[in-house]
Each structure stands twice: as C-alpha cells, then as structure tokens.
Amino acid sequence: MLFTSQVALGLLAGTLANAIPTPQDEATTTSLPTAASTDVAEASEQLAQLAEYAQGLVNDTLEESSSKRKRGGCTLSNLAVRREWGTLSNKQRKAYTDAVLCLQAKTAKTPSSLMPGAKSRFDDWVGTHINQTMTIHYTGTFLAWHRYFTWQYEQALRNECGYTGYQPYWDWAKTAVTGLAASPILDGSAYSMSGNGAPVANQGPIILGGNGLPEIVLPSGTGGGCVTSGPFKNMTVNLGPVALGLPGGATESNGSGLEWNPRCLKRDLTDYINKRFANATSIARNILKPKDIWDFQMTMQGYPGSGDIGVHGGGHYSMGGDPGRDLFVSPGDPFFYLHHAMIDRTWWIWQTLDVKTRTGAAGISGTGTFLDSPPSPNTTLDTMVDLGYAAGPAVRMRDLMSTTDGPMCYIYL
C-alpha cells in the first residue's frame, strides 16, 4: 500500500456582542480543565468550557482593540461567527447547500491546459488541494493552509453565490454520540449535507499502514455506494482519484487526478471510527495534552506508527467513500469543509490558551514537505501560502496565525 495514500490521511435576534458569551469574572486559564476526561459526557462539558473561554477572550480582546482603532480591522461589529450545523435553521442550512451547488454550476477558473478535469469553480478548490497535498500535510503549513483554504472557500460562497451566512462546522463529538446517519448534518434530508451512500454488501476492512509501519485495520461503514439523498444526491465528482483507499486494502488511482473522470459522490459512514478517534475525549485531549504546536498538530494528524489516526483522520475516515478516503481529492466531497472548519475550531481554541506564543513564531513547527521528505526548509512566519487558481492573494503565514488579525475576522460558537 502506498504510504502517501492511506497512511498519509490516516496518520494522518440580539446584537453580535450579545451573541458571544461573556467570560466569567476574572476567568483565567488556571480555572480550565488540565486533562481530558475519559468520560464522554464530562469531556463534552470540558469542551464547552474551553470554547466559552475562547469566545470570551476574543470578545474582550476585540472590545478593547476596537476602542483604540479609528477605522478598519476586525471588530465586534464586523466579526463573523461560525456555528455548528445542528444549531442552524433549515433555511440557513439550505442557503449553505444552495451556495455550494451554485459554486458547482459556475465555470472553473483553472486553465484546462493545466487541469483538464476541472469543470467548475468547486473543482478549482479540489485541484488546488491535489496539486499541493504533499506540501500541506505533516508540514509546518498544515493548519494555516487549511484555515486559509476554508476561509477563501467561505468567501467564494458569499461573494460569488450570494450566501449571507458563514462556514458551519461539523462537531465530531455530537455525531460520536448520536451516530452519523441520525444527526441533522448527515441524515440525508433536504436540510443536511446529504447522507450515506447506497449500501454495498460484503465490503472488506480499510487497511492503513505499510512501508515499515504497522497496519491499522478499520471496519467499513454501512454505505459505500453513491449518495442517494439530500442536496448532493446528483453531484458529479470530476477529479481524481489519486490515492483512494478501497475496502480490502487496495488503492485506486487515475494518474495525477487532474484529468476528467466524472462519477457519483460516494460515502461510507462509519460510526466506529467517529466514536473511536473523534469523540469528545479525543478532542479534549488534542486541546489539553499538547504544550507545543508540534505535538498539537501531530496528535491531530496521528503520530506515524502510533495506531492513532487522530481527529483529522477520524473525521475523514468516518465520512469514507470517494473521494472522502483520498488524501489528495478529499475536498471533492462538500462535507470536507465542515470537517476542516472543526479542525480549525480545535486549533483556534488551543491557540487561545496561550495566545502570544501560539499565534507567533513559536506557533509554527515543521518544514515544507510531508514529514520532511524530501528535506526542505523550516516553515516560518514569512512562508507564503498560495491557493493557486482557487483564490488569492498569496499571503504570509503570519497573516493566518489568528482568525481575528490579518485578512480574516471570525470566531466559532
């Protein structure tokens, strides 16, 4: 099995101010939990406490900075608030999926000479991810690159398709309790992100590993076929696969993945993976255990050889299917962006526990290539992040270390 396929991913009505919780009097990080509870209910409470702290800290910071600014910048009055899918109204959910469908109906900006298979604006994003996969996973830019990627996708939905909301997120902890198909985000209704794929009988397990690393055997889910309900039931995936993991351990590839290869969107929802690798305890541990960015991002992606695929792999493999299990082509499933919004939310909460350190130079660790292979220079605050034809402009890492500085202005509730 190719190391760069399965292992890579597996190791792989009030005012806005009132909408943001006010921190408790004299709240400090010393009053927060210091270790993740193994009890799921208690870990969920810990996560709520950590999120409230992060919201309150940003609220206070922006309130103070707003009084010092004459014009411009991120303030409480222009702050975008990203929310969990289940808290949105049906009208808000449909507005989001309608905007995604709009993006899929628009013509691609990427020249066909560079990417023959890119047929839509949605494909511009998929192709950019394909082209940069080996420089944005297990690298120093992993978190910031995907933060910018998701933010620019949100801007495209708003500026090109008339969407007036913001990027929602998928709270893995919630679906780990309810089950994926029973949650409002994946129940297959008109107000979901579509649901499972059609059931495929006698699927084998998903096998991660190889190239000297121990195997990780994961069960297949309850789907595997084409998505049959919800807004994306008729969606066409145009690009890939590049390194699609199949049940039984095989890997499917269509060369570079940039040629046109139209096929249905497939999913294979797998509750076991969600409950095992992306539950409330897993998320709380990812926030509370790491004291530096290297440990944080490696815990999130999964330390090679540890047997743990992290919350990042946990989300992707819970989704499953094609292109969900393909490290390169995974943004071809619109659910990708809700998953990576949750990745970003987890990082955002972790950053607020030591803002000065975790949004500065010490908040970056790693080089410009996948696990530094081949060896490459360290990522710094001046490293450029470029999204190609998907969106621009290229920006420096320093502009992406905070969600309320640089070009961005948003938080999570």
Foldseek 3Di string as FASTA:
>chain_A
DDCCFQVLCLLFVDALLVVQAADDPPDALVPADQAFDPDQVVLVVSVVNLQNLLSNVVSVVQVVVVVVDDDDFFHSRPFAAAEALQVDDLVLLLLVLQLVVVQQPAAPPDDCVVFVLRGGLLVLLLVLLLVQLFQQGQFLCVLLLLLVSLQLVQVCSCVVVVRPHGQYAHQLQVCLVVPQCRDQQAVQAQRHLAHAAAADPPFAWFWHDDPPADIQTHHWAGHAHAGCGYSQSPPWQFWWDCFATGGPGDTDTDPSRRHGDIDGFHWTAHSVLSNPAPHSSLLSNLQNVDPFQSSNSSQQCRPTRPSHRHNSSSVLVNGDYVPSSTSSRNSSRVNVSNHSVVVNQSLSSSCSNPVVCCLAQRVTFRARGNNCVPPHDHQGQQDWRPSPSSDDDIDGNSQRSHQRGHPHRYHYD
